[in-house]
Every structure is written in C-alpha cells, then in structure tokens.
Amino acid sequence: MQTLTITINNDSAIKTLHELEKKHFIKIVKNINERTPAIPSGAPLSVDEFQEWILQAEKMPTVSLEEAKSIWSQKRKLLVKHTK
C-alpha cells in the first residue's frame, strides 16, 4: 500500500477518483496531518525544519526520468483500464 497526497482542481478528475473508491481500488483520506512544503496548508516551516526536510529528501532513492516515465505509463494504462 502507498499513500499519496495530491491536490485536484478538476471536477472530472474528482469524479474519477470517487469511482475508483467505490470499486475499492483506492481509499480517499480527507484529513491531512502532514507538515510539508509540498502541501499549501498549515504554518510555514522554520529554516531548521526545511533543512531537515532537504536532508531526508536527499536520502530517498532516486530513479531516472526515463524510468519514471515508463513506470507512469504503465500505471496510467492500468488506471484507464480500471476506470472504463
């Protein structure tokens, strides 16, 4: 299982996500308790918190752009298949 936080600005996309939830492919979690610069809510990070966030990000595994595009292409095909 993976948890993903996204901001959706399109009603059609929200409808698609709700359809996936009805099919039990995903679960939509409404409460966001994460304190991160990636989410435009909550109090700003201090300089120390920001530096710690950068250090953690640098320790995370990386993938090449080509590999990321390939993985996304495969996942997109699955999403399209399951939403039709």
Protein backbone atom coordinates (compact mmCIF):
# COMPACT_ATOMS: atom_id res chain seq x y z
CA MET A 1 0.00 0.00 0.00
CA GLN A 2 1.16 3.52 -0.78
CA THR A 3 -0.18 6.83 0.48
CA LEU A 4 -0.27 9.73 -1.95
CA THR A 5 -1.26 13.33 -1.26
CA ILE A 6 -2.50 15.31 -4.25
CA THR A 7 -4.41 18.49 -4.98
CA ILE A 8 -7.16 18.11 -7.56
CA ASN A 9 -8.64 21.12 -9.35
CA ASN A 10 -10.81 19.35 -11.90
CA ASP A 11 -14.33 18.05 -11.18
CA SER A 12 -13.96 15.26 -13.74
CA ALA A 13 -10.80 14.02 -12.03
CA ILE A 14 -12.51 14.09 -8.64
CA LYS A 15 -15.42 12.09 -10.07
CA THR A 16 -12.99 9.51 -11.45
CA LEU A 17 -11.31 9.16 -8.06
CA HIS A 18 -14.67 8.66 -6.34
CA GLU A 19 -15.49 5.93 -8.88
CA LEU A 20 -12.21 4.20 -8.05
CA GLU A 21 -13.08 4.46 -4.36
CA LYS A 22 -16.49 2.83 -4.97
CA LYS A 23 -14.69 -0.07 -6.67
CA HIS A 24 -12.41 -0.34 -3.60
CA PHE A 25 -9.27 0.31 -5.66
CA ILE A 26 -8.37 3.35 -3.55
CA LYS A 27 -9.37 4.95 -0.27
CA ILE A 28 -9.71 8.71 -0.07
CA VAL A 29 -8.41 10.09 3.23
CA LYS A 30 -9.75 13.54 3.96
CA ASN A 31 -7.54 14.63 6.88
CA ILE A 32 -4.02 15.77 6.12
CA ASN A 33 -1.80 15.97 9.17
CA GLU A 34 1.43 16.10 7.22
CA ARG A 35 3.56 19.20 7.69
CA THR A 36 5.42 19.64 4.44
CA PRO A 37 6.18 22.41 1.95
CA ALA A 38 4.56 20.28 -0.74
CA ILE A 39 1.11 20.96 0.73
CA PRO A 40 -0.02 24.60 0.69
CA SER A 41 -1.72 24.45 4.09
CA GLY A 42 -0.54 24.90 7.64
CA ALA A 43 2.20 27.02 9.12
CA PRO A 44 5.41 27.65 7.18
CA LEU A 45 8.44 25.54 8.04
CA SER A 46 11.28 27.05 10.03
CA VAL A 47 14.74 27.13 8.45
CA ASP A 48 15.81 24.13 10.58
CA GLU A 49 12.70 22.15 9.59
CA PHE A 50 13.29 23.00 5.93
CA GLN A 51 16.94 21.89 6.12
CA GLU A 52 15.88 18.61 7.78
CA TRP A 53 13.29 18.09 5.02
CA ILE A 54 16.03 18.58 2.40
CA LEU A 55 18.35 16.11 4.18
CA GLN A 56 15.59 13.48 4.27
CA ALA A 57 14.79 14.04 0.60
CA GLU A 58 18.45 13.58 -0.34
CA LYS A 59 18.48 10.18 1.40
CA MET A 60 15.50 8.89 -0.59
CA PRO A 61 16.11 6.55 -3.52
CA THR A 62 16.04 8.10 -6.97
CA VAL A 63 15.03 6.91 -10.44
CA SER A 64 15.96 8.21 -13.84
CA LEU A 65 13.49 10.35 -15.74
CA GLU A 66 13.13 7.64 -18.38
CA GLU A 67 12.36 5.01 -15.72
CA ALA A 68 9.82 7.30 -14.02
CA LYS A 69 8.08 7.95 -17.37
CA SER A 70 7.98 4.22 -18.09
CA ILE A 71 6.50 3.41 -14.67
CA TRP A 72 3.94 6.20 -15.01
CA SER A 73 2.95 5.00 -18.47
CA GLN A 74 2.28 1.50 -17.12
CA LYS A 75 0.32 2.81 -14.12
CA ARG A 76 -1.69 5.17 -16.34
CA LYS A 77 -2.70 2.29 -18.59
CA LEU A 78 -3.92 0.36 -15.54
CA LEU A 79 -5.87 3.37 -14.25
CA VAL A 80 -7.53 3.91 -17.62
CA LYS A 81 -8.35 0.21 -17.86
CA HIS A 82 -9.95 0.17 -14.39
CA THR A 83 -11.98 3.35 -14.87
CA LYS A 84 -13.71 2.29 -18.09
